[in-house]
Amino acid sequence: MTGIAIHRRGLMLVLSSPSGAGKTTLSRRLLESDREIDMSVSATTRKPRPGEVEGKDYFFLTTEDFGIMRNKGDFLESAKVFDNYYGTPRKPVEEALAQGHDVLFDIDWQGTQQLDETAPEDLVKVFILPPSVQELERRLEKRAQDPADVVAARMAKASDEISHYQEYDYIIINESMDKAFAELQAILRAERLRRRRLTGLSNFVKQLREAL
């Protein structure tokens, strides 16, 4: 029996959460520990900030070019945030998936809904919840990055964000970062083994049966 290569199609892993639930830390740990996944690079119409690199941090576009791409369907998802537009270019994501590489998305429930419409078969949706309201507020205050009014605004927004938990495939309650990260890794391992992601599998099974 000659060997038949079984390849894996990549997946799009979405992590969403209210601010302070640990999504950014989990994303960073995953990217540092797993070479098969990279962060999605968004396009934006805002001006580059000092130190930002084209193609690494963002694809920087004019408002006109962004509109042209959006009208052509070149974004998997897009949104206007304050006075600027943001979107996920379709081509680099689809190329990564075809090569068996996974793409990580740090987006909210609205962007996730759009991805669910454009690429549902490739999408794995994970929502991160805090163990309690008190712990969420404590984490926001501990970061010491925002003034009290900003923390209050984030807490007020959290209720709306959490209300969309049923739209996600998996829920992780982040009581312990190590435990939450282990659960995220388990989800990723299982999703990578889904039958629909394994190309060449039917030929492999056919050859197995013929050899019996």
N, C-alpha and C. Protein backbone atom coordinates (compact mmCIF):
# COMPACT_ATOMS: atom_id res chain seq x y z
N MET A 1 0.85 -1.20 0.00
CA MET A 1 0.00 0.00 0.00
C MET A 1 0.88 1.25 0.00
N THR A 2 0.70 2.10 -1.01
CA THR A 2 1.48 3.32 -1.07
C THR A 2 0.83 4.40 -0.22
N GLY A 3 1.65 5.27 0.32
CA GLY A 3 1.13 6.32 1.19
C GLY A 3 0.38 7.39 0.41
N ILE A 4 -0.67 7.89 0.98
CA ILE A 4 -1.44 8.98 0.39
C ILE A 4 -1.41 10.14 1.36
N ALA A 5 -1.04 11.30 0.86
CA ALA A 5 -0.94 12.47 1.73
C ALA A 5 -2.33 12.97 2.11
N ILE A 6 -2.52 13.16 3.41
CA ILE A 6 -3.75 13.78 3.91
C ILE A 6 -3.38 15.16 4.41
N HIS A 7 -3.93 16.15 3.79
CA HIS A 7 -3.64 17.53 4.17
C HIS A 7 -4.83 18.11 4.92
N ARG A 8 -4.57 19.18 5.64
CA ARG A 8 -5.63 19.82 6.41
C ARG A 8 -5.89 21.22 5.88
N ARG A 9 -7.17 21.54 5.68
CA ARG A 9 -7.53 22.91 5.38
C ARG A 9 -7.50 23.70 6.68
N GLY A 10 -6.99 24.91 6.59
CA GLY A 10 -6.92 25.74 7.78
C GLY A 10 -8.30 26.18 8.25
N LEU A 11 -8.34 26.78 9.42
CA LEU A 11 -9.60 27.26 9.99
C LEU A 11 -9.44 28.70 10.45
N MET A 12 -10.56 29.37 10.62
CA MET A 12 -10.60 30.73 11.15
C MET A 12 -11.09 30.65 12.60
N LEU A 13 -10.23 31.00 13.52
CA LEU A 13 -10.55 30.95 14.94
C LEU A 13 -10.87 32.36 15.44
N VAL A 14 -12.11 32.55 15.88
CA VAL A 14 -12.53 33.84 16.41
C VAL A 14 -12.58 33.79 17.93
N LEU A 15 -11.94 34.76 18.56
CA LEU A 15 -12.06 34.94 20.00
C LEU A 15 -12.76 36.26 20.25
N SER A 16 -13.86 36.21 20.99
CA SER A 16 -14.58 37.42 21.36
C SER A 16 -14.81 37.41 22.87
N SER A 17 -14.92 38.61 23.44
CA SER A 17 -15.19 38.71 24.87
C SER A 17 -15.44 40.16 25.23
N PRO A 18 -16.04 40.40 26.38
CA PRO A 18 -16.06 41.77 26.88
C PRO A 18 -14.65 42.18 27.29
N SER A 19 -14.37 43.46 27.26
CA SER A 19 -13.05 43.95 27.64
C SER A 19 -12.73 43.54 29.07
N GLY A 20 -11.54 42.96 29.26
CA GLY A 20 -11.12 42.55 30.59
C GLY A 20 -11.28 41.08 30.88
N ALA A 21 -11.89 40.33 29.96
CA ALA A 21 -12.14 38.90 30.21
C ALA A 21 -10.92 38.03 29.89
N GLY A 22 -9.90 38.60 29.25
CA GLY A 22 -8.68 37.84 29.01
C GLY A 22 -8.41 37.46 27.58
N LYS A 23 -9.19 37.97 26.65
CA LYS A 23 -9.06 37.58 25.25
C LYS A 23 -7.68 37.93 24.68
N THR A 24 -7.19 39.12 24.97
CA THR A 24 -5.90 39.55 24.41
C THR A 24 -4.76 38.68 24.92
N THR A 25 -4.77 38.36 26.21
CA THR A 25 -3.72 37.51 26.78
C THR A 25 -3.77 36.11 26.18
N LEU A 26 -4.96 35.55 26.04
CA LEU A 26 -5.10 34.22 25.44
C LEU A 26 -4.62 34.22 23.99
N SER A 27 -4.96 35.27 23.26
CA SER A 27 -4.53 35.37 21.86
C SER A 27 -3.01 35.41 21.78
N ARG A 28 -2.39 36.21 22.64
CA ARG A 28 -0.94 36.35 22.62
C ARG A 28 -0.26 35.02 22.94
N ARG A 29 -0.78 34.31 23.95
CA ARG A 29 -0.18 33.03 24.33
C ARG A 29 -0.31 32.01 23.20
N LEU A 30 -1.46 32.03 22.53
CA LEU A 30 -1.67 31.07 21.44
C LEU A 30 -0.71 31.35 20.28
N LEU A 31 -0.55 32.60 19.92
CA LEU A 31 0.33 32.96 18.82
C LEU A 31 1.79 32.64 19.14
N GLU A 32 2.17 32.78 20.41
CA GLU A 32 3.54 32.51 20.82
C GLU A 32 3.85 31.01 20.86
N SER A 33 2.83 30.19 21.10
CA SER A 33 3.07 28.76 21.32
C SER A 33 2.73 27.87 20.13
N ASP A 34 2.03 28.39 19.14
CA ASP A 34 1.53 27.57 18.04
C ASP A 34 1.95 28.17 16.71
N ARG A 35 2.80 27.47 15.98
CA ARG A 35 3.31 27.97 14.71
C ARG A 35 2.33 27.80 13.56
N GLU A 36 1.24 27.10 13.79
CA GLU A 36 0.28 26.85 12.71
C GLU A 36 -0.82 27.89 12.65
N ILE A 37 -0.71 28.95 13.46
CA ILE A 37 -1.76 29.96 13.46
C ILE A 37 -1.13 31.35 13.49
N ASP A 38 -1.71 32.27 12.73
CA ASP A 38 -1.25 33.66 12.69
C ASP A 38 -2.42 34.60 12.89
N MET A 39 -2.12 35.79 13.33
CA MET A 39 -3.16 36.79 13.54
C MET A 39 -3.62 37.36 12.19
N SER A 40 -4.90 37.53 12.05
CA SER A 40 -5.43 38.18 10.86
C SER A 40 -4.98 39.64 10.83
N VAL A 41 -4.60 40.11 9.66
CA VAL A 41 -4.20 41.51 9.49
C VAL A 41 -5.34 42.26 8.82
N SER A 42 -5.84 43.26 9.51
CA SER A 42 -6.98 44.03 9.01
C SER A 42 -6.52 45.18 8.11
N ALA A 43 -7.42 45.64 7.29
CA ALA A 43 -7.22 46.87 6.52
C ALA A 43 -7.93 48.00 7.24
N THR A 44 -7.39 49.19 7.14
CA THR A 44 -8.01 50.33 7.81
C THR A 44 -7.77 51.61 7.01
N THR A 45 -8.67 52.56 7.21
CA THR A 45 -8.50 53.87 6.56
C THR A 45 -7.86 54.88 7.51
N ARG A 46 -7.59 54.49 8.73
CA ARG A 46 -6.94 55.45 9.64
C ARG A 46 -5.46 55.57 9.30
N LYS A 47 -4.85 56.63 9.76
CA LYS A 47 -3.44 56.88 9.49
C LYS A 47 -2.57 55.96 10.35
N PRO A 48 -1.42 55.53 9.83
CA PRO A 48 -0.51 54.69 10.62
C PRO A 48 -0.02 55.43 11.86
N ARG A 49 0.09 54.70 12.96
CA ARG A 49 0.66 55.26 14.18
C ARG A 49 2.16 54.99 14.18
N PRO A 50 2.93 55.74 14.98
CA PRO A 50 4.38 55.54 15.01
C PRO A 50 4.74 54.08 15.31
N GLY A 51 5.60 53.51 14.48
CA GLY A 51 6.05 52.13 14.69
C GLY A 51 5.23 51.09 13.98
N GLU A 52 4.04 51.43 13.49
CA GLU A 52 3.22 50.44 12.80
C GLU A 52 3.77 50.16 11.40
N VAL A 53 3.70 48.88 11.01
CA VAL A 53 4.29 48.44 9.75
C VAL A 53 3.19 47.99 8.80
N GLU A 54 3.23 48.48 7.58
CA GLU A 54 2.28 48.08 6.53
C GLU A 54 2.36 46.58 6.28
N GLY A 55 1.20 45.93 6.32
CA GLY A 55 1.14 44.50 6.07
C GLY A 55 1.37 43.64 7.29
N LYS A 56 1.87 44.23 8.37
CA LYS A 56 2.08 43.48 9.61
C LYS A 56 1.07 43.88 10.66
N ASP A 57 0.94 45.19 10.87
CA ASP A 57 -0.05 45.68 11.83
C ASP A 57 -1.40 45.90 11.14
N TYR A 58 -1.36 46.55 10.00
CA TYR A 58 -2.56 46.81 9.20
C TYR A 58 -2.15 46.95 7.73
N PHE A 59 -3.18 46.83 6.87
CA PHE A 59 -3.05 47.30 5.50
C PHE A 59 -3.70 48.69 5.49
N PHE A 60 -2.92 49.72 5.22
CA PHE A 60 -3.44 51.08 5.29
C PHE A 60 -3.97 51.50 3.91
N LEU A 61 -5.25 51.86 3.86
CA LEU A 61 -5.91 52.18 2.60
C LEU A 61 -6.54 53.56 2.67
N THR A 62 -6.72 54.15 1.50
CA THR A 62 -7.52 55.37 1.44
C THR A 62 -9.00 54.98 1.57
N THR A 63 -9.82 55.94 1.93
CA THR A 63 -11.26 55.67 2.04
C THR A 63 -11.83 55.22 0.70
N GLU A 64 -11.32 55.82 -0.38
CA GLU A 64 -11.79 55.45 -1.72
C GLU A 64 -11.44 54.00 -2.05
N ASP A 65 -10.18 53.60 -1.79
CA ASP A 65 -9.77 52.23 -2.09
C ASP A 65 -10.51 51.22 -1.21
N PHE A 66 -10.74 51.60 0.04
CA PHE A 66 -11.48 50.71 0.94
C PHE A 66 -12.89 50.49 0.39
N GLY A 67 -13.53 51.56 -0.06
CA GLY A 67 -14.87 51.44 -0.60
C GLY A 67 -14.93 50.58 -1.85
N ILE A 68 -13.91 50.69 -2.70
CA ILE A 68 -13.85 49.88 -3.91
C ILE A 68 -13.73 48.39 -3.55
N MET A 69 -12.85 48.09 -2.60
CA MET A 69 -12.67 46.70 -2.18
C MET A 69 -13.95 46.15 -1.55
N ARG A 70 -14.59 46.94 -0.73
CA ARG A 70 -15.82 46.48 -0.07
C ARG A 70 -16.91 46.20 -1.11
N ASN A 71 -17.04 47.08 -2.10
CA ASN A 71 -18.06 46.89 -3.13
C ASN A 71 -17.78 45.67 -4.00
N LYS A 72 -16.51 45.30 -4.15
CA LYS A 72 -16.14 44.13 -4.94
C LYS A 72 -16.24 42.83 -4.14
N GLY A 73 -16.54 42.95 -2.84
CA GLY A 73 -16.63 41.76 -2.01
C GLY A 73 -15.28 41.24 -1.56
N ASP A 74 -14.29 42.13 -1.49
CA ASP A 74 -12.92 41.72 -1.14
C ASP A 74 -12.68 41.65 0.36
N PHE A 75 -13.70 41.95 1.17
CA PHE A 75 -13.57 41.83 2.62
C PHE A 75 -14.46 40.71 3.14
N LEU A 76 -13.93 39.93 4.07
CA LEU A 76 -14.75 38.92 4.74
C LEU A 76 -15.69 39.58 5.74
N GLU A 77 -15.25 40.66 6.35
CA GLU A 77 -16.09 41.44 7.25
C GLU A 77 -15.53 42.85 7.29
N SER A 78 -16.39 43.82 7.55
CA SER A 78 -15.95 45.21 7.64
C SER A 78 -16.89 46.01 8.51
N ALA A 79 -16.40 47.11 9.04
CA ALA A 79 -17.21 47.95 9.92
C ALA A 79 -16.62 49.35 9.98
N LYS A 80 -17.46 50.30 10.34
CA LYS A 80 -16.99 51.67 10.59
C LYS A 80 -16.91 51.87 12.09
N VAL A 81 -15.73 52.26 12.55
CA VAL A 81 -15.51 52.51 13.98
C VAL A 81 -15.12 53.97 14.13
N PHE A 82 -16.02 54.74 14.74
CA PHE A 82 -15.86 56.19 14.83
C PHE A 82 -15.75 56.76 13.42
N ASP A 83 -14.63 57.32 13.03
CA ASP A 83 -14.54 57.95 11.71
C ASP A 83 -13.72 57.14 10.72
N ASN A 84 -13.35 55.93 11.09
CA ASN A 84 -12.50 55.12 10.22
C ASN A 84 -13.16 53.78 9.90
N TYR A 85 -12.75 53.19 8.78
CA TYR A 85 -13.25 51.88 8.37
C TYR A 85 -12.19 50.82 8.63
N TYR A 86 -12.68 49.63 9.00
CA TYR A 86 -11.81 48.48 9.23
C TYR A 86 -12.42 47.28 8.51
N GLY A 87 -11.56 46.39 8.01
CA GLY A 87 -12.08 45.20 7.34
C GLY A 87 -11.01 44.13 7.23
N THR A 88 -11.46 42.89 7.05
CA THR A 88 -10.55 41.74 6.89
C THR A 88 -10.45 41.38 5.42
N PRO A 89 -9.30 41.62 4.77
CA PRO A 89 -9.15 41.26 3.35
C PRO A 89 -9.35 39.76 3.15
N ARG A 90 -10.11 39.42 2.16
CA ARG A 90 -10.47 38.02 1.90
C ARG A 90 -9.28 37.20 1.38
N LYS A 91 -8.50 37.75 0.44
CA LYS A 91 -7.49 36.97 -0.28
C LYS A 91 -6.43 36.36 0.62
N PRO A 92 -5.74 37.12 1.51
CA PRO A 92 -4.70 36.49 2.34
C PRO A 92 -5.23 35.43 3.28
N VAL A 93 -6.47 35.60 3.76
CA VAL A 93 -7.06 34.59 4.64
C VAL A 93 -7.33 33.32 3.87
N GLU A 94 -7.93 33.43 2.69
CA GLU A 94 -8.25 32.24 1.91
C GLU A 94 -6.99 31.52 1.45
N GLU A 95 -5.93 32.27 1.16
CA GLU A 95 -4.66 31.63 0.78
C GLU A 95 -4.08 30.86 1.95
N ALA A 96 -4.14 31.43 3.15
CA ALA A 96 -3.63 30.75 4.34
C ALA A 96 -4.41 29.47 4.61
N LEU A 97 -5.73 29.53 4.52
CA LEU A 97 -6.56 28.35 4.77
C LEU A 97 -6.26 27.24 3.77
N ALA A 98 -6.09 27.61 2.52
CA ALA A 98 -5.80 26.61 1.48
C ALA A 98 -4.46 25.92 1.72
N GLN A 99 -3.54 26.62 2.38
CA GLN A 99 -2.22 26.05 2.67
C GLN A 99 -2.19 25.30 4.00
N GLY A 100 -3.35 25.16 4.64
CA GLY A 100 -3.42 24.44 5.90
C GLY A 100 -3.01 25.25 7.10
N HIS A 101 -3.02 26.57 6.98
CA HIS A 101 -2.62 27.44 8.08
C HIS A 101 -3.86 28.09 8.67
N ASP A 102 -3.88 28.22 9.98
CA ASP A 102 -5.02 28.79 10.67
C ASP A 102 -4.86 30.30 10.86
N VAL A 103 -5.99 30.98 10.98
CA VAL A 103 -5.98 32.44 11.14
C VAL A 103 -6.80 32.81 12.37
N LEU A 104 -6.22 33.63 13.23
CA LEU A 104 -6.87 34.05 14.48
C LEU A 104 -7.48 35.43 14.30
N PHE A 105 -8.72 35.58 14.76
CA PHE A 105 -9.43 36.85 14.67
C PHE A 105 -9.78 37.36 16.06
N ASP A 106 -9.45 38.61 16.31
CA ASP A 106 -9.82 39.28 17.55
C ASP A 106 -10.87 40.33 17.18
N ILE A 107 -12.13 39.87 17.09
CA ILE A 107 -13.21 40.76 16.64
C ILE A 107 -14.43 40.60 17.55
N ASP A 108 -15.36 41.55 17.45
CA ASP A 108 -16.56 41.49 18.29
C ASP A 108 -17.65 40.66 17.62
N TRP A 109 -18.80 40.61 18.27
CA TRP A 109 -19.90 39.77 17.78
C TRP A 109 -20.42 40.22 16.42
N GLN A 110 -20.32 41.52 16.12
CA GLN A 110 -20.82 42.00 14.83
C GLN A 110 -19.94 41.49 13.68
N GLY A 111 -18.62 41.57 13.88
CA GLY A 111 -17.72 41.03 12.87
C GLY A 111 -17.86 39.54 12.73
N THR A 112 -18.09 38.86 13.86
CA THR A 112 -18.27 37.41 13.84
C THR A 112 -19.51 37.02 13.04
N GLN A 113 -20.57 37.78 13.18
CA GLN A 113 -21.78 37.50 12.41
C GLN A 113 -21.51 37.59 10.91
N GLN A 114 -20.72 38.57 10.51
CA GLN A 114 -20.40 38.71 9.08
C GLN A 114 -19.56 37.52 8.59
N LEU A 115 -18.58 37.11 9.40
CA LEU A 115 -17.77 35.94 9.01
C LEU A 115 -18.63 34.70 8.91
N ASP A 116 -19.62 34.59 9.78
CA ASP A 116 -20.51 33.43 9.77
C ASP A 116 -21.33 33.39 8.49
N GLU A 117 -21.55 34.54 7.88
CA GLU A 117 -22.30 34.59 6.62
C GLU A 117 -21.41 34.31 5.42
N THR A 118 -20.13 34.72 5.51
CA THR A 118 -19.25 34.59 4.35
C THR A 118 -18.45 33.30 4.32
N ALA A 119 -18.14 32.72 5.49
CA ALA A 119 -17.30 31.51 5.51
C ALA A 119 -17.65 30.61 6.70
N PRO A 120 -18.90 30.16 6.79
CA PRO A 120 -19.31 29.39 7.97
C PRO A 120 -18.58 28.06 8.16
N GLU A 121 -18.20 27.39 7.07
CA GLU A 121 -17.56 26.09 7.18
C GLU A 121 -16.14 26.18 7.75
N ASP A 122 -15.51 27.34 7.58
CA ASP A 122 -14.13 27.50 8.05
C ASP A 122 -14.06 28.13 9.44
N LEU A 123 -15.19 28.50 10.00
CA LEU A 123 -15.22 29.33 11.21
C LEU A 123 -15.37 28.51 12.48
N VAL A 124 -14.56 28.86 13.49
CA VAL A 124 -14.68 28.30 14.84
C VAL A 124 -14.80 29.50 15.79
N LYS A 125 -15.92 29.57 16.51
CA LYS A 125 -16.23 30.76 17.31
C LYS A 125 -16.13 30.44 18.80
N VAL A 126 -15.28 31.20 19.50
CA VAL A 126 -15.07 30.99 20.93
C VAL A 126 -15.35 32.30 21.66
N PHE A 127 -16.18 32.22 22.70
CA PHE A 127 -16.48 33.41 23.50
C PHE A 127 -15.89 33.22 24.89
N ILE A 128 -15.18 34.25 25.36
CA ILE A 128 -14.53 34.23 26.66
C ILE A 128 -15.39 35.00 27.67
N LEU A 129 -15.76 34.33 28.75
CA LEU A 129 -16.56 34.97 29.81
C LEU A 129 -15.72 35.14 31.08
N PRO A 130 -15.97 36.20 31.83
CA PRO A 130 -15.33 36.33 33.15
C PRO A 130 -16.08 35.45 34.15
N PRO A 131 -15.44 35.07 35.26
CA PRO A 131 -16.14 34.25 36.26
C PRO A 131 -17.21 34.99 37.02
N SER A 132 -17.13 36.33 37.06
CA SER A 132 -18.13 37.14 37.76
C SER A 132 -18.00 38.59 37.32
N VAL A 133 -19.03 39.37 37.58
CA VAL A 133 -18.99 40.81 37.28
C VAL A 133 -17.92 41.49 38.13
N GLN A 134 -17.84 41.07 39.38
CA GLN A 134 -16.87 41.67 40.28
C GLN A 134 -15.44 41.44 39.79
N GLU A 135 -15.18 40.22 39.31
CA GLU A 135 -13.84 39.91 38.82
C GLU A 135 -13.53 40.68 37.54
N LEU A 136 -14.54 40.85 36.68
CA LEU A 136 -14.34 41.61 35.45
C LEU A 136 -13.95 43.06 35.79
N GLU A 137 -14.66 43.65 36.72
CA GLU A 137 -14.36 45.03 37.12
C GLU A 137 -12.98 45.13 37.76
N ARG A 138 -12.64 44.13 38.58
CA ARG A 138 -11.33 44.13 39.23
C ARG A 138 -10.21 44.07 38.20
N ARG A 139 -10.39 43.25 37.17
CA ARG A 139 -9.36 43.13 36.13
C ARG A 139 -9.22 44.42 35.34
N LEU A 140 -10.33 45.07 35.05
CA LEU A 140 -10.27 46.33 34.33
C LEU A 140 -9.56 47.40 35.15
N GLU A 141 -9.85 47.44 36.42
CA GLU A 141 -9.21 48.43 37.29
C GLU A 141 -7.73 48.11 37.50
N LYS A 142 -7.40 46.82 37.55
CA LYS A 142 -6.02 46.39 37.79
C LYS A 142 -5.11 46.78 36.63
N ARG A 143 -5.66 46.83 35.43
CA ARG A 143 -4.84 47.17 34.27
C ARG A 143 -4.27 48.58 34.38
N ALA A 144 -5.00 49.44 35.10
CA ALA A 144 -4.55 50.82 35.36
C ALA A 144 -4.22 51.58 34.07
N GLN A 145 -4.92 51.21 33.00
CA GLN A 145 -4.69 51.87 31.73
C GLN A 145 -5.75 52.93 31.44
N ASP A 146 -6.91 52.79 32.06
CA ASP A 146 -8.03 53.66 31.74
C ASP A 146 -8.53 54.38 32.98
N PRO A 147 -9.02 55.59 32.81
CA PRO A 147 -9.62 56.30 33.94
C PRO A 147 -10.94 55.65 34.36
N ALA A 148 -11.46 56.05 35.51
CA ALA A 148 -12.65 55.41 36.07
C ALA A 148 -13.85 55.49 35.14
N ASP A 149 -14.01 56.60 34.42
CA ASP A 149 -15.18 56.72 33.54
C ASP A 149 -15.10 55.75 32.37
N VAL A 150 -13.88 55.48 31.90
CA VAL A 150 -13.71 54.52 30.80
C VAL A 150 -14.00 53.10 31.29
N VAL A 151 -13.54 52.78 32.50
CA VAL A 151 -13.84 51.47 33.09
C VAL A 151 -15.34 51.29 33.23
N ALA A 152 -16.02 52.33 33.68
CA ALA A 152 -17.48 52.26 33.83
C ALA A 152 -18.16 52.05 32.49
N ALA A 153 -17.64 52.71 31.44
CA ALA A 153 -18.23 52.55 30.11
C ALA A 153 -18.02 51.13 29.59
N ARG A 154 -16.85 50.56 29.85
CA ARG A 154 -16.58 49.19 29.42
C ARG A 154 -17.48 48.20 30.17
N MET A 155 -17.70 48.45 31.42
CA MET A 155 -18.59 47.59 32.20
C MET A 155 -20.01 47.67 31.66
N ALA A 156 -20.45 48.86 31.30
CA ALA A 156 -21.81 49.03 30.78
C ALA A 156 -21.97 48.32 29.44
N LYS A 157 -20.91 48.34 28.62
CA LYS A 157 -20.96 47.70 27.31
C LYS A 157 -20.91 46.18 27.41
N ALA A 158 -20.33 45.67 28.52
CA ALA A 158 -20.13 44.23 28.68
C ALA A 158 -21.44 43.45 28.62
N SER A 159 -22.49 44.01 29.17
CA SER A 159 -23.78 43.31 29.19
C SER A 159 -24.28 43.01 27.78
N ASP A 160 -24.17 44.00 26.89
CA ASP A 160 -24.60 43.80 25.50
C ASP A 160 -23.74 42.77 24.81
N GLU A 161 -22.42 42.83 25.04
CA GLU A 161 -21.51 41.88 24.40
C GLU A 161 -21.79 40.45 24.87
N ILE A 162 -21.98 40.29 26.18
CA ILE A 162 -22.21 38.96 26.74
C ILE A 162 -23.52 38.36 26.24
N SER A 163 -24.49 39.21 25.91
CA SER A 163 -25.80 38.71 25.48
C SER A 163 -25.72 37.91 24.18
N HIS A 164 -24.61 38.00 23.46
CA HIS A 164 -24.46 37.30 22.19
C HIS A 164 -23.74 35.96 22.33
N TYR A 165 -23.57 35.49 23.56
CA TYR A 165 -22.80 34.25 23.79
C TYR A 165 -23.38 33.05 23.04
N GLN A 166 -24.71 33.03 22.83
CA GLN A 166 -25.33 31.87 22.18
C GLN A 166 -24.96 31.75 20.71
N GLU A 167 -24.37 32.78 20.13
CA GLU A 167 -23.98 32.74 18.73
C GLU A 167 -22.63 32.06 18.52
N TYR A 168 -22.00 31.63 19.61
CA TYR A 168 -20.66 31.05 19.53
C TYR A 168 -20.70 29.55 19.73
N ASP A 169 -19.68 28.86 19.19
CA ASP A 169 -19.61 27.40 19.28
C ASP A 169 -19.14 26.92 20.65
N TYR A 170 -18.22 27.69 21.23
CA TYR A 170 -17.61 27.28 22.50
C TYR A 170 -17.60 28.45 23.48
N ILE A 171 -17.73 28.12 24.76
CA ILE A 171 -17.65 29.12 25.82
C ILE A 171 -16.52 28.72 26.77
N ILE A 172 -15.64 29.66 27.05
CA ILE A 172 -14.59 29.46 28.05
C ILE A 172 -14.81 30.46 29.18
N ILE A 173 -14.99 29.97 30.39
CA ILE A 173 -15.11 30.85 31.56
C ILE A 173 -13.71 31.00 32.15
N ASN A 174 -13.18 32.19 32.06
CA ASN A 174 -11.78 32.42 32.39
C ASN A 174 -11.58 32.70 33.89
N GLU A 175 -11.63 31.62 34.68
CA GLU A 175 -11.32 31.74 36.10
C GLU A 175 -9.81 31.77 36.31
N SER A 176 -9.12 30.93 35.56
CA SER A 176 -7.66 30.82 35.62
C SER A 176 -7.12 30.88 34.20
N MET A 177 -6.12 31.73 33.99
CA MET A 177 -5.59 31.88 32.64
C MET A 177 -5.01 30.57 32.12
N ASP A 178 -4.31 29.82 32.98
CA ASP A 178 -3.73 28.55 32.54
C ASP A 178 -4.81 27.56 32.13
N LYS A 179 -5.88 27.47 32.91
CA LYS A 179 -6.98 26.56 32.60
C LYS A 179 -7.70 27.00 31.32
N ALA A 180 -7.94 28.29 31.20
CA ALA A 180 -8.61 28.81 30.01
C ALA A 180 -7.78 28.56 28.76
N PHE A 181 -6.46 28.72 28.88
CA PHE A 181 -5.59 28.49 27.73
C PHE A 181 -5.57 27.02 27.33
N ALA A 182 -5.56 26.14 28.33
CA ALA A 182 -5.59 24.70 28.04
C ALA A 182 -6.89 24.33 27.32
N GLU A 183 -8.00 24.93 27.73
CA GLU A 183 -9.28 24.67 27.08
C GLU A 183 -9.27 25.19 25.64
N LEU A 184 -8.68 26.36 25.43
CA LEU A 184 -8.59 26.90 24.07
C LEU A 184 -7.75 26.00 23.18
N GLN A 185 -6.65 25.49 23.71
CA GLN A 185 -5.81 24.56 22.94
C GLN A 185 -6.56 23.28 22.60
N ALA A 186 -7.36 22.79 23.54
CA ALA A 186 -8.14 21.57 23.30
C ALA A 186 -9.16 21.79 22.19
N ILE A 187 -9.80 22.95 22.19
CA ILE A 187 -10.76 23.28 21.14
C ILE A 187 -10.07 23.29 19.78
N LEU A 188 -8.92 23.92 19.73
CA LEU A 188 -8.20 24.04 18.47
C LEU A 188 -7.74 22.67 17.96
N ARG A 189 -7.26 21.82 18.88
CA ARG A 189 -6.82 20.48 18.47
C ARG A 189 -7.99 19.69 17.89
N ALA A 190 -9.14 19.75 18.54
CA ALA A 190 -10.31 19.00 18.08
C ALA A 190 -10.80 19.51 16.73
N GLU A 191 -10.84 20.82 16.57
CA GLU A 191 -11.35 21.40 15.32
C GLU A 191 -10.42 21.10 14.15
N ARG A 192 -9.14 20.97 14.42
CA ARG A 192 -8.21 20.64 13.35
C ARG A 192 -8.40 19.22 12.83
N LEU A 193 -9.05 18.38 13.63
CA LEU A 193 -9.28 16.98 13.24
C LEU A 193 -10.65 16.75 12.60
N ARG A 194 -11.42 17.80 12.44
CA ARG A 194 -12.74 17.62 11.81
C ARG A 194 -12.58 17.02 10.41
N ARG A 195 -13.45 16.08 10.11
CA ARG A 195 -13.36 15.35 8.84
C ARG A 195 -13.40 16.30 7.64
N ARG A 196 -14.25 17.31 7.70
CA ARG A 196 -14.39 18.18 6.54
C ARG A 196 -13.15 19.01 6.25
N ARG A 197 -12.23 19.10 7.20
CA ARG A 197 -11.00 19.87 6.98
C ARG A 197 -9.87 19.02 6.40
N LEU A 198 -10.06 17.70 6.35
CA LEU A 198 -9.00 16.80 5.91
C LEU A 198 -9.16 16.47 4.42
N THR A 199 -8.32 17.07 3.60
CA THR A 199 -8.38 16.81 2.17
C THR A 199 -7.52 15.59 1.84
N GLY A 200 -8.02 14.77 0.96
CA GLY A 200 -7.33 13.53 0.61
C GLY A 200 -7.75 12.36 1.48
N LEU A 201 -8.62 12.62 2.45
CA LEU A 201 -9.02 11.55 3.36
C LEU A 201 -9.82 10.46 2.66
N SER A 202 -10.73 10.83 1.76
CA SER A 202 -11.56 9.83 1.10
C SER A 202 -10.71 8.88 0.26
N ASN A 203 -9.68 9.43 -0.41
CA ASN A 203 -8.79 8.57 -1.19
C ASN A 203 -7.98 7.64 -0.30
N PHE A 204 -7.57 8.15 0.84
CA PHE A 204 -6.82 7.35 1.80
C PHE A 204 -7.66 6.18 2.31
N VAL A 205 -8.91 6.48 2.67
CA VAL A 205 -9.80 5.43 3.18
C VAL A 205 -10.11 4.42 2.06
N LYS A 206 -10.29 4.92 0.85
CA LYS A 206 -10.54 4.02 -0.28
C LYS A 206 -9.39 3.04 -0.46
N GLN A 207 -8.15 3.55 -0.35
CA GLN A 207 -6.98 2.69 -0.49
C GLN A 207 -6.88 1.69 0.64
N LEU A 208 -7.25 2.11 1.85
CA LEU A 208 -7.25 1.19 2.98
C LEU A 208 -8.20 0.02 2.73
N ARG A 209 -9.39 0.35 2.25
CA ARG A 209 -10.40 -0.68 2.02
C ARG A 209 -9.97 -1.63 0.91
N GLU A 210 -9.34 -1.08 -0.13
CA GLU A 210 -8.91 -1.94 -1.24
C GLU A 210 -7.80 -2.89 -0.82
N ALA A 211 -7.04 -2.48 0.20
CA ALA A 211 -5.93 -3.31 0.64
C ALA A 211 -6.38 -4.43 1.61
N LEU A 212 -7.63 -4.36 2.05
CA LEU A 212 -8.12 -5.38 3.00
C LEU A 212 -8.51 -6.67 2.29
